[in-house]
Amino acid sequence: MITLQLFYTGKGGAAEAFAREMTASGVADEIRREPGNLRYEYFFPMDDRETVLLIDSWESQAAIDAHHASPMMAKIAALREKYDLHMRVERFISEDAPADERFLRK
């Protein structure tokens, strides 16, 4: 699994408005239905009201590449432009770590 953390930053509440429009317009749900998408969720950092965090997980690089080549990207790009957002991305590749299980409270 490959997980991307995308930080969208704007001014005057633009990042939150972007996330809300992505959700209300159905674009977020369309992405969730794309082959290989495992997670697509927005979060709002408590200490930065001008940033929205997107956690976006995919089964493989091929699934990400297909998403990036899809017409969906034009919709996302148009909304990012509309809200004048800037982005920062962090990328993680998951591996099995059964030893960590002992630290989790379930």
PDB file of N, CA and C in Angstrom:
ATOM      1  N   MET A   1       0.847  -1.177   0.000  1.00  0.00           N
ATOM      2  CA  MET A   1       0.000   0.000   0.000  1.00  0.00           C
ATOM      3  C   MET A   1       0.889   1.235   0.000  1.00  0.00           C
ATOM      4  N   ILE A   2       0.484   2.235  -0.761  1.00  0.00           N
ATOM      5  CA  ILE A   2       1.179   3.515  -0.800  1.00  0.00           C
ATOM      6  C   ILE A   2       0.211   4.569  -0.283  1.00  0.00           C
ATOM      7  N   THR A   3       0.664   5.334   0.697  1.00  0.00           N
ATOM      8  CA  THR A   3      -0.172   6.382   1.281  1.00  0.00           C
ATOM      9  C   THR A   3       0.480   7.729   1.037  1.00  0.00           C
ATOM     10  N   LEU A   4      -0.324   8.655   0.569  1.00  0.00           N
ATOM     11  CA  LEU A   4       0.115  10.030   0.366  1.00  0.00           C
ATOM     12  C   LEU A   4      -0.593  10.916   1.376  1.00  0.00           C
ATOM     13  N   GLN A   5       0.175  11.767   2.018  1.00  0.00           N
ATOM     14  CA  GLN A   5      -0.402  12.815   2.853  1.00  0.00           C
ATOM     15  C   GLN A   5      -0.211  14.114   2.094  1.00  0.00           C
ATOM     16  N   LEU A   6      -1.324  14.688   1.658  1.00  0.00           N
ATOM     17  CA  LEU A   6      -1.276  15.930   0.905  1.00  0.00           C
ATOM     18  C   LEU A   6      -1.784  17.060   1.799  1.00  0.00           C
ATOM     19  N   PHE A   7      -0.960  18.079   1.960  1.00  0.00           N
ATOM     20  CA  PHE A   7      -1.312  19.240   2.756  1.00  0.00           C
ATOM     21  C   PHE A   7      -1.681  20.364   1.798  1.00  0.00           C
ATOM     22  N   TYR A   8      -2.951  20.746   1.793  1.00  0.00           N
ATOM     23  CA  TYR A   8      -3.447  21.847   0.963  1.00  0.00           C
ATOM     24  C   TYR A   8      -3.512  23.091   1.842  1.00  0.00           C
ATOM     25  N   THR A   9      -2.848  24.167   1.410  1.00  0.00           N
ATOM     26  CA  THR A   9      -2.822  25.391   2.194  1.00  0.00           C
ATOM     27  C   THR A   9      -3.280  26.563   1.339  1.00  0.00           C
ATOM     28  N   GLY A  10      -4.128  27.390   1.933  1.00  0.00           N
ATOM     29  CA  GLY A  10      -4.627  28.578   1.256  1.00  0.00           C
ATOM     30  C   GLY A  10      -4.788  29.713   2.248  1.00  0.00           C
ATOM     31  N   LYS A  11      -5.652  30.649   1.906  1.00  0.00           N
ATOM     32  CA  LYS A  11      -5.914  31.809   2.772  1.00  0.00           C
ATOM     33  C   LYS A  11      -7.408  32.005   2.909  1.00  0.00           C
ATOM     34  N   GLY A  12      -7.812  32.538   4.056  1.00  0.00           N
ATOM     35  CA  GLY A  12      -9.215  32.888   4.266  1.00  0.00           C
ATOM     36  C   GLY A  12     -10.174  31.714   4.234  1.00  0.00           C
ATOM     37  N   GLY A  13      -9.707  30.554   4.668  1.00  0.00           N
ATOM     38  CA  GLY A  13     -10.584  29.379   4.704  1.00  0.00           C
ATOM     39  C   GLY A  13     -10.687  28.638   3.385  1.00  0.00           C
ATOM     40  N   ALA A  14      -9.806  28.979   2.420  1.00  0.00           N
ATOM     41  CA  ALA A  14      -9.886  28.377   1.083  1.00  0.00           C
ATOM     42  C   ALA A  14      -9.658  26.865   1.103  1.00  0.00           C
ATOM     43  N   ALA A  15      -8.739  26.386   1.928  1.00  0.00           N
ATOM     44  CA  ALA A  15      -8.444  24.947   1.945  1.00  0.00           C
ATOM     45  C   ALA A  15      -9.650  24.155   2.447  1.00  0.00           C
ATOM     46  N   GLU A  16     -10.289  24.656   3.482  1.00  0.00           N
ATOM     47  CA  GLU A  16     -11.482  23.969   3.988  1.00  0.00           C
ATOM     48  C   GLU A  16     -12.611  24.023   2.955  1.00  0.00           C
ATOM     49  N   ALA A  17     -12.769  25.164   2.294  1.00  0.00           N
ATOM     50  CA  ALA A  17     -13.808  25.281   1.265  1.00  0.00           C
ATOM     51  C   ALA A  17     -13.541  24.306   0.115  1.00  0.00           C
ATOM     52  N   PHE A  18     -12.280  24.131  -0.258  1.00  0.00           N
ATOM     53  CA  PHE A  18     -11.905  23.168  -1.289  1.00  0.00           C
ATOM     54  C   PHE A  18     -12.328  21.757  -0.883  1.00  0.00           C
ATOM     55  N   ALA A  19     -11.974  21.340   0.329  1.00  0.00           N
ATOM     56  CA  ALA A  19     -12.310  19.994   0.804  1.00  0.00           C
ATOM     57  C   ALA A  19     -13.820  19.802   0.857  1.00  0.00           C
ATOM     58  N   ARG A  20     -14.531  20.807   1.289  1.00  0.00           N
ATOM     59  CA  ARG A  20     -15.992  20.701   1.359  1.00  0.00           C
ATOM     60  C   ARG A  20     -16.602  20.593  -0.049  1.00  0.00           C
ATOM     61  N   GLU A  21     -16.061  21.347  -1.008  1.00  0.00           N
ATOM     62  CA  GLU A  21     -16.581  21.250  -2.373  1.00  0.00           C
ATOM     63  C   GLU A  21     -16.219  19.911  -3.010  1.00  0.00           C
ATOM     64  N   MET A  22     -15.021  19.407  -2.746  1.00  0.00           N
ATOM     65  CA  MET A  22     -14.641  18.078  -3.249  1.00  0.00           C
ATOM     66  C   MET A  22     -15.629  17.027  -2.759  1.00  0.00           C
ATOM     67  N   THR A  23     -16.066  17.174  -1.523  1.00  0.00           N
ATOM     68  CA  THR A  23     -17.003  16.214  -0.932  1.00  0.00           C
ATOM     69  C   THR A  23     -18.423  16.440  -1.455  1.00  0.00           C
ATOM     70  N   ALA A  24     -18.905  17.677  -1.387  1.00  0.00           N
ATOM     71  CA  ALA A  24     -20.281  17.983  -1.782  1.00  0.00           C
ATOM     72  C   ALA A  24     -20.532  17.732  -3.270  1.00  0.00           C
ATOM     73  N   SER A  25     -19.530  17.937  -4.097  1.00  0.00           N
ATOM     74  CA  SER A  25     -19.689  17.758  -5.542  1.00  0.00           C
ATOM     75  C   SER A  25     -19.645  16.290  -5.964  1.00  0.00           C
ATOM     76  N   GLY A  26     -19.226  15.430  -5.054  1.00  0.00           N
ATOM     77  CA  GLY A  26     -19.132  14.010  -5.375  1.00  0.00           C
ATOM     78  C   GLY A  26     -17.784  13.582  -5.928  1.00  0.00           C
ATOM     79  N   VAL A  27     -16.872  14.518  -6.134  1.00  0.00           N
ATOM     80  CA  VAL A  27     -15.562  14.175  -6.687  1.00  0.00           C
ATOM     81  C   VAL A  27     -14.822  13.229  -5.735  1.00  0.00           C
ATOM     82  N   ALA A  28     -14.862  13.501  -4.443  1.00  0.00           N
ATOM     83  CA  ALA A  28     -14.178  12.629  -3.478  1.00  0.00           C
ATOM     84  C   ALA A  28     -14.729  11.200  -3.553  1.00  0.00           C
ATOM     85  N   ASP A  29     -16.038  11.062  -3.652  1.00  0.00           N
ATOM     86  CA  ASP A  29     -16.629   9.725  -3.757  1.00  0.00           C
ATOM     87  C   ASP A  29     -16.223   9.037  -5.059  1.00  0.00           C
ATOM     88  N   GLU A  30     -16.117   9.800  -6.147  1.00  0.00           N
ATOM     89  CA  GLU A  30     -15.670   9.214  -7.415  1.00  0.00           C
ATOM     90  C   GLU A  30     -14.254   8.657  -7.272  1.00  0.00           C
ATOM     91  N   ILE A  31     -13.405   9.387  -6.597  1.00  0.00           N
ATOM     92  CA  ILE A  31     -12.030   8.929  -6.387  1.00  0.00           C
ATOM     93  C   ILE A  31     -12.027   7.662  -5.532  1.00  0.00           C
ATOM     94  N   ARG A  32     -12.845   7.640  -4.502  1.00  0.00           N
ATOM     95  CA  ARG A  32     -12.917   6.450  -3.641  1.00  0.00           C
ATOM     96  C   ARG A  32     -13.345   5.201  -4.415  1.00  0.00           C
ATOM     97  N   ARG A  33     -14.091   5.390  -5.494  1.00  0.00           N
ATOM     98  CA  ARG A  33     -14.548   4.255  -6.312  1.00  0.00           C
ATOM     99  C   ARG A  33     -13.546   3.845  -7.391  1.00  0.00           C
ATOM    100  N   GLU A  34     -12.482   4.606  -7.566  1.00  0.00           N
ATOM    101  CA  GLU A  34     -11.488   4.258  -8.572  1.00  0.00           C
ATOM    102  C   GLU A  34     -10.787   2.948  -8.187  1.00  0.00           C
ATOM    103  N   PRO A  35     -10.457   2.116  -9.185  1.00  0.00           N
ATOM    104  CA  PRO A  35      -9.750   0.865  -8.893  1.00  0.00           C
ATOM    105  C   PRO A  35      -8.443   1.130  -8.146  1.00  0.00           C
ATOM    106  N   GLY A  36      -8.251   0.429  -7.053  1.00  0.00           N
ATOM    107  CA  GLY A  36      -7.019   0.536  -6.290  1.00  0.00           C
ATOM    108  C   GLY A  36      -7.029   1.559  -5.183  1.00  0.00           C
ATOM    109  N   ASN A  37      -8.071   2.391  -5.093  1.00  0.00           N
ATOM    110  CA  ASN A  37      -8.119   3.360  -3.995  1.00  0.00           C
ATOM    111  C   ASN A  37      -8.560   2.662  -2.719  1.00  0.00           C
ATOM    112  N   LEU A  38      -7.822   2.881  -1.655  1.00  0.00           N
ATOM    113  CA  LEU A  38      -8.119   2.260  -0.365  1.00  0.00           C
ATOM    114  C   LEU A  38      -8.627   3.261   0.665  1.00  0.00           C
ATOM    115  N   ARG A  39      -8.238   4.529   0.502  1.00  0.00           N
ATOM    116  CA  ARG A  39      -8.646   5.551   1.477  1.00  0.00           C
ATOM    117  C   ARG A  39      -8.513   6.918   0.830  1.00  0.00           C
ATOM    118  N   TYR A  40      -9.494   7.775   1.123  1.00  0.00           N
ATOM    119  CA  TYR A  40      -9.470   9.149   0.637  1.00  0.00           C
ATOM    120  C   TYR A  40     -10.249   9.971   1.652  1.00  0.00           C
ATOM    121  N   GLU A  41      -9.543  10.597   2.589  1.00  0.00           N
ATOM    122  CA  GLU A  41     -10.204  11.311   3.689  1.00  0.00           C
ATOM    123  C   GLU A  41      -9.501  12.631   3.985  1.00  0.00           C
ATOM    124  N   TYR A  42     -10.313  13.643   4.269  1.00  0.00           N
ATOM    125  CA  TYR A  42      -9.803  14.955   4.643  1.00  0.00           C
ATOM    126  C   TYR A  42      -9.831  15.129   6.155  1.00  0.00           C
ATOM    127  N   PHE A  43      -8.811  15.847   6.658  1.00  0.00           N
ATOM    128  CA  PHE A  43      -8.715  16.160   8.084  1.00  0.00           C
ATOM    129  C   PHE A  43      -8.310  17.623   8.228  1.00  0.00           C
ATOM    130  N   PHE A  44      -8.696  18.221   9.339  1.00  0.00           N
ATOM    131  CA  PHE A  44      -8.404  19.620   9.603  1.00  0.00           C
ATOM    132  C   PHE A  44      -7.471  19.726  10.813  1.00  0.00           C
ATOM    133  N   PRO A  45      -6.206  20.147  10.619  1.00  0.00           N
ATOM    134  CA  PRO A  45      -5.280  20.284  11.733  1.00  0.00           C
ATOM    135  C   PRO A  45      -5.777  21.315  12.753  1.00  0.00           C
ATOM    136  N   MET A  46      -5.670  20.983  14.006  1.00  0.00           N
ATOM    137  CA  MET A  46      -6.156  21.869  15.062  1.00  0.00           C
ATOM    138  C   MET A  46      -5.343  23.150  15.171  1.00  0.00           C
ATOM    139  N   ASP A  47      -4.065  23.097  14.803  1.00  0.00           N
ATOM    140  CA  ASP A  47      -3.198  24.256  15.008  1.00  0.00           C
ATOM    141  C   ASP A  47      -2.942  25.066  13.727  1.00  0.00           C
ATOM    142  N   ASP A  48      -3.634  24.737  12.645  1.00  0.00           N
ATOM    143  CA  ASP A  48      -3.446  25.463  11.380  1.00  0.00           C
ATOM    144  C   ASP A  48      -4.770  25.485  10.614  1.00  0.00           C
ATOM    145  N   ARG A  49      -5.559  26.509  10.819  1.00  0.00           N
ATOM    146  CA  ARG A  49      -6.891  26.607  10.211  1.00  0.00           C
ATOM    147  C   ARG A  49      -6.842  26.882   8.715  1.00  0.00           C
ATOM    148  N   GLU A  50      -5.674  27.135   8.156  1.00  0.00           N
ATOM    149  CA  GLU A  50      -5.551  27.420   6.724  1.00  0.00           C
ATOM    150  C   GLU A  50      -5.044  26.213   5.926  1.00  0.00           C
ATOM    151  N   THR A  51      -4.931  25.062   6.587  1.00  0.00           N
ATOM    152  CA  THR A  51      -4.444  23.852   5.925  1.00  0.00           C
ATOM    153  C   THR A  51      -5.446  22.721   6.107  1.00  0.00           C
ATOM    154  N   VAL A  52      -5.563  21.905   5.074  1.00  0.00           N
ATOM    155  CA  VAL A  52      -6.356  20.686   5.129  1.00  0.00           C
ATOM    156  C   VAL A  52      -5.415  19.544   4.774  1.00  0.00           C
ATOM    157  N   LEU A  53      -5.521  18.448   5.505  1.00  0.00           N
ATOM    158  CA  LEU A  53      -4.731  17.254   5.245  1.00  0.00           C
ATOM    159  C   LEU A  53      -5.603  16.225   4.543  1.00  0.00           C
ATOM    160  N   LEU A  54      -5.115  15.712   3.431  1.00  0.00           N
ATOM    161  CA  LEU A  54      -5.769  14.616   2.726  1.00  0.00           C
ATOM    162  C   LEU A  54      -4.907  13.372   2.910  1.00  0.00           C
ATOM    163  N   ILE A  55      -5.502  12.299   3.412  1.00  0.00           N
ATOM    164  CA  ILE A  55      -4.828  11.008   3.462  1.00  0.00           C
ATOM    165  C   ILE A  55      -5.421  10.174   2.341  1.00  0.00           C
ATOM    166  N   ASP A  56      -4.556   9.777   1.424  1.00  0.00           N
ATOM    167  CA  ASP A  56      -4.947   9.145   0.169  1.00  0.00           C
ATOM    168  C   ASP A  56      -4.112   7.873   0.015  1.00  0.00           C
ATOM    169  N   SER A  57      -4.734   6.694   0.110  1.00  0.00           N
ATOM    170  CA  SER A  57      -4.004   5.422   0.040  1.00  0.00           C
ATOM    171  C   SER A  57      -4.429   4.617  -1.179  1.00  0.00           C
ATOM    172  N   TRP A  58      -3.446   3.952  -1.781  1.00  0.00           N
ATOM    173  CA  TRP A  58      -3.655   3.179  -3.003  1.00  0.00           C
ATOM    174  C   TRP A  58      -2.984   1.832  -2.881  1.00  0.00           C
ATOM    175  N   GLU A  59      -3.510   0.852  -3.612  1.00  0.00           N
ATOM    176  CA  GLU A  59      -2.945  -0.501  -3.602  1.00  0.00           C
ATOM    177  C   GLU A  59      -1.547  -0.561  -4.195  1.00  0.00           C
ATOM    178  N   SER A  60      -1.264   0.289  -5.192  1.00  0.00           N
ATOM    179  CA  SER A  60       0.007   0.197  -5.913  1.00  0.00           C
ATOM    180  C   SER A  60       0.313   1.497  -6.646  1.00  0.00           C
ATOM    181  N   GLN A  61       1.550   1.591  -7.124  1.00  0.00           N
ATOM    182  CA  GLN A  61       1.926   2.739  -7.940  1.00  0.00           C
ATOM    183  C   GLN A  61       1.130   2.761  -9.233  1.00  0.00           C
ATOM    184  N   ALA A  62       0.831   1.595  -9.779  1.00  0.00           N
ATOM    185  CA  ALA A  62       0.035   1.523 -11.013  1.00  0.00           C
ATOM    186  C   ALA A  62      -1.345   2.145 -10.803  1.00  0.00           C
ATOM    187  N   ALA A  63      -1.946   1.921  -9.641  1.00  0.00           N
ATOM    188  CA  ALA A  63      -3.257   2.515  -9.347  1.00  0.00           C
ATOM    189  C   ALA A  63      -3.149   4.033  -9.236  1.00  0.00           C
ATOM    190  N   ILE A  64      -2.083   4.525  -8.638  1.00  0.00           N
ATOM    191  CA  ILE A  64      -1.861   5.974  -8.542  1.00  0.00           C
ATOM    192  C   ILE A  64      -1.661   6.558  -9.941  1.00  0.00           C
ATOM    193  N   ASP A  65      -0.861   5.878 -10.748  1.00  0.00           N
ATOM    194  CA  ASP A  65      -0.606   6.364 -12.109  1.00  0.00           C
ATOM    195  C   ASP A  65      -1.900   6.430 -12.919  1.00  0.00           C
ATOM    196  N   ALA A  66      -2.754   5.427 -12.765  1.00  0.00           N
ATOM    197  CA  ALA A  66      -4.042   5.436 -13.472  1.00  0.00           C
ATOM    198  C   ALA A  66      -4.912   6.595 -12.994  1.00  0.00           C
ATOM    199  N   HIS A  67      -4.904   6.841 -11.701  1.00  0.00           N
ATOM    200  CA  HIS A  67      -5.664   7.974 -11.142  1.00  0.00           C
ATOM    201  C   HIS A  67      -5.132   9.292 -11.722  1.00  0.00           C
ATOM    202  N   HIS A  68      -3.812   9.441 -11.740  1.00  0.00           N
ATOM    203  CA  HIS A  68      -3.219  10.676 -12.259  1.00  0.00           C
ATOM    204  C   HIS A  68      -3.493  10.879 -13.747  1.00  0.00           C
ATOM    205  N   ALA A  69      -3.701   9.801 -14.480  1.00  0.00           N
ATOM    206  CA  ALA A  69      -3.989   9.890 -15.921  1.00  0.00           C
ATOM    207  C   ALA A  69      -5.481  10.011 -16.215  1.00  0.00           C
ATOM    208  N   SER A  70      -6.314   9.943 -15.189  1.00  0.00           N
ATOM    209  CA  SER A  70      -7.768   9.957 -15.384  1.00  0.00           C
ATOM    210  C   SER A  70      -8.296  11.383 -15.547  1.00  0.00           C
ATOM    211  N   PRO A  71      -9.499  11.507 -16.103  1.00  0.00           N
ATOM    212  CA  PRO A  71     -10.144  12.821 -16.211  1.00  0.00           C
ATOM    213  C   PRO A  71     -10.414  13.467 -14.839  1.00  0.00           C
ATOM    214  N   MET A  72     -10.392  12.660 -13.791  1.00  0.00           N
ATOM    215  CA  MET A  72     -10.614  13.160 -12.430  1.00  0.00           C
ATOM    216  C   MET A  72      -9.590  14.237 -12.062  1.00  0.00           C
ATOM    217  N   MET A  73      -8.365  14.101 -12.562  1.00  0.00           N
ATOM    218  CA  MET A  73      -7.315  15.054 -12.209  1.00  0.00           C
ATOM    219  C   MET A  73      -7.630  16.463 -12.703  1.00  0.00           C
ATOM    220  N   ALA A  74      -8.304  16.580 -13.828  1.00  0.00           N
ATOM    221  CA  ALA A  74      -8.685  17.906 -14.328  1.00  0.00           C
ATOM    222  C   ALA A  74      -9.666  18.576 -13.377  1.00  0.00           C
ATOM    223  N   LYS A  75     -10.593  17.798 -12.830  1.00  0.00           N
ATOM    224  CA  LYS A  75     -11.555  18.341 -11.859  1.00  0.00           C
ATOM    225  C   LYS A  75     -10.837  18.821 -10.605  1.00  0.00           C
ATOM    226  N   ILE A  76      -9.911  17.996 -10.120  1.00  0.00           N
ATOM    227  CA  ILE A  76      -9.163  18.357  -8.908  1.00  0.00           C
ATOM    228  C   ILE A  76      -8.317  19.599  -9.167  1.00  0.00           C
ATOM    229  N   ALA A  77      -7.620  19.627 -10.295  1.00  0.00           N
ATOM    230  CA  ALA A  77      -6.766  20.773 -10.624  1.00  0.00           C
ATOM    231  C   ALA A  77      -7.579  22.059 -10.732  1.00  0.00           C
ATOM    232  N   ALA A  78      -8.761  21.980 -11.316  1.00  0.00           N
ATOM    233  CA  ALA A  78      -9.616  23.168 -11.445  1.00  0.00           C
ATOM    234  C   ALA A  78     -10.028  23.691 -10.078  1.00  0.00           C
ATOM    235  N   LEU A  79     -10.340  22.793  -9.163  1.00  0.00           N
ATOM    236  CA  LEU A  79     -10.727  23.226  -7.816  1.00  0.00           C
ATOM    237  C   LEU A  79      -9.526  23.776  -7.048  1.00  0.00           C
ATOM    238  N   ARG A  80      -8.368  23.171  -7.206  1.00  0.00           N
ATOM    239  CA  ARG A  80      -7.166  23.715  -6.548  1.00  0.00           C
ATOM    240  C   ARG A  80      -6.883  25.123  -7.044  1.00  0.00           C
ATOM    241  N   GLU A  81      -7.066  25.324  -8.353  1.00  0.00           N
ATOM    242  CA  GLU A  81      -6.859  26.651  -8.941  1.00  0.00           C
ATOM    243  C   GLU A  81      -7.910  27.638  -8.436  1.00  0.00           C
ATOM    244  N   LYS A  82      -9.153  27.206  -8.406  1.00  0.00           N
ATOM    245  CA  LYS A  82     -10.260  28.053  -7.938  1.00  0.00           C
ATOM    246  C   LYS A  82      -9.986  28.602  -6.539  1.00  0.00           C
ATOM    247  N   TYR A  83      -9.435  27.747  -5.670  1.00  0.00           N
ATOM    248  CA  TYR A  83      -9.190  28.146  -4.280  1.00  0.00           C
ATOM    249  C   TYR A  83      -7.752  28.606  -4.040  1.00  0.00           C
ATOM    250  N   ASP A  84      -6.942  28.685  -5.101  1.00  0.00           N
ATOM    251  CA  ASP A  84      -5.554  29.168  -5.028  1.00  0.00           C
ATOM    252  C   ASP A  84      -4.773  28.444  -3.937  1.00  0.00           C
ATOM    253  N   LEU A  85      -4.781  27.122  -4.002  1.00  0.00           N
ATOM    254  CA  LEU A  85      -4.130  26.313  -2.986  1.00  0.00           C
ATOM    255  C   LEU A  85      -2.704  25.943  -3.382  1.00  0.00           C
ATOM    256  N   HIS A  86      -1.873  25.814  -2.377  1.00  0.00           N
ATOM    257  CA  HIS A  86      -0.508  25.322  -2.535  1.00  0.00           C
ATOM    258  C   HIS A  86      -0.435  23.989  -1.811  1.00  0.00           C
ATOM    259  N   MET A  87       0.473  23.121  -2.262  1.00  0.00           N
ATOM    260  CA  MET A  87       0.490  21.754  -1.742  1.00  0.00           C
ATOM    261  C   MET A  87       1.884  21.333  -1.282  1.00  0.00           C
ATOM    262  N   ARG A  88       1.854  20.429  -0.319  1.00  0.00           N
ATOM    263  CA  ARG A  88       3.057  19.716   0.122  1.00  0.00           C
ATOM    264  C   ARG A  88       2.643  18.255   0.247  1.00  0.00           C
ATOM    265  N   VAL A  89       3.510  17.335  -0.169  1.00  0.00           N
ATOM    266  CA  VAL A  89       3.158  15.917  -0.168  1.00  0.00           C
ATOM    267  C   VAL A  89       4.208  15.115   0.587  1.00  0.00           C
ATOM    268  N   GLU A  90       3.723  14.171   1.384  1.00  0.00           N
ATOM    269  CA  GLU A  90       4.584  13.173   2.023  1.00  0.00           C
ATOM    270  C   GLU A  90       4.099  11.807   1.551  1.00  0.00           C
ATOM    271  N   ARG A  91       5.026  10.910   1.273  1.00  0.00           N
ATOM    272  CA  ARG A  91       4.696   9.606   0.703  1.00  0.00           C
ATOM    273  C   ARG A  91       5.226   8.497   1.609  1.00  0.00           C
ATOM    274  N   PHE A  92       4.381   7.474   1.839  1.00  0.00           N
ATOM    275  CA  PHE A  92       4.744   6.358   2.708  1.00  0.00           C
ATOM    276  C   PHE A  92       4.394   5.046   2.020  1.00  0.00           C
ATOM    277  N   ILE A  93       5.275   4.069   2.119  1.00  0.00           N
ATOM    278  CA  ILE A  93       5.008   2.729   1.615  1.00  0.00           C
ATOM    279  C   ILE A  93       4.871   1.820   2.819  1.00  0.00           C
ATOM    280  N   SER A  94       3.725   1.170   2.939  1.00  0.00           N
ATOM    281  CA  SER A  94       3.441   0.339   4.103  1.00  0.00           C
ATOM    282  C   SER A  94       4.164  -0.992   4.014  1.00  0.00           C
ATOM    283  N   GLU A  95       4.524  -1.471   5.164  1.00  0.00           N
ATOM    284  CA  GLU A  95       5.075  -2.817   5.279  1.00  0.00           C
ATOM    285  C   GLU A  95       4.475  -3.449   6.530  1.00  0.00           C
ATOM    286  N   ASP A  96       4.431  -4.742   6.546  1.00  0.00           N
ATOM    287  CA  ASP A  96       3.909  -5.432   7.718  1.00  0.00           C
ATOM    288  C   ASP A  96       4.865  -5.237   8.880  1.00  0.00           C
ATOM    289  N   ALA A  97       4.316  -4.834  10.004  1.00  0.00           N
ATOM    290  CA  ALA A  97       5.117  -4.625  11.208  1.00  0.00           C
ATOM    291  C   ALA A  97       4.372  -5.209  12.401  1.00  0.00           C
ATOM    292  N   PRO A  98       4.289  -6.549  12.482  1.00  0.00           N
ATOM    293  CA  PRO A  98       3.503  -7.174  13.545  1.00  0.00           C
ATOM    294  C   PRO A  98       3.986  -6.823  14.951  1.00  0.00           C
ATOM    295  N   ALA A  99       5.253  -6.447  15.099  1.00  0.00           N
ATOM    296  CA  ALA A  99       5.760  -6.091  16.424  1.00  0.00           C
ATOM    297  C   ALA A  99       5.061  -4.854  16.974  1.00  0.00           C
ATOM    298  N   ASP A 100       4.563  -3.990  16.101  1.00  0.00           N
ATOM    299  CA  ASP A 100       3.876  -2.781  16.552  1.00  0.00           C
ATOM    300  C   ASP A 100       2.533  -3.085  17.196  1.00  0.00           C
ATOM    301  N   GLU A 101       1.961  -4.219  16.897  1.00  0.00           N
ATOM    302  CA  GLU A 101       0.645  -4.583  17.425  1.00  0.00           C
ATOM    303  C   GLU A 101       0.597  -4.512  18.946  1.00  0.00           C
ATOM    304  N   ARG A 102       1.670  -4.824  19.597  1.00  0.00           N
ATOM    305  CA  ARG A 102       1.652  -4.839  21.076  1.00  0.00           C
ATOM    306  C   ARG A 102       1.481  -3.441  21.678  1.00  0.00           C
ATOM    307  N   PHE A 103       1.705  -2.409  20.876  1.00  0.00           N
ATOM    308  CA  PHE A 103       1.571  -1.036  21.377  1.00  0.00           C
ATOM    309  C   PHE A 103       0.178  -0.452  21.102  1.00  0.00           C
ATOM    310  N   LEU A 104      -0.656  -1.154  20.373  1.00  0.00           N
ATOM    311  CA  LEU A 104      -1.978  -0.643  19.998  1.00  0.00           C
ATOM    312  C   LEU A 104      -3.025  -1.060  21.017  1.00  0.00           C
ATOM    313  N   ARG A 105      -3.831  -0.134  21.392  1.00  0.00           N
ATOM    314  CA  ARG A 105      -4.962  -0.419  22.259  1.00  0.00           C
ATOM    315  C   ARG A 105      -6.201  -0.533  21.381  1.00  0.00           C
ATOM    316  N   LYS A 106      -6.816  -1.686  21.398  1.00  0.00           N
ATOM    317  CA  LYS A 106      -7.987  -1.917  20.540  1.00  0.00           C
ATOM    318  C   LYS A 106      -9.234  -2.053  21.354  1.00  0.00           C
TER     319      LYS A 106
END
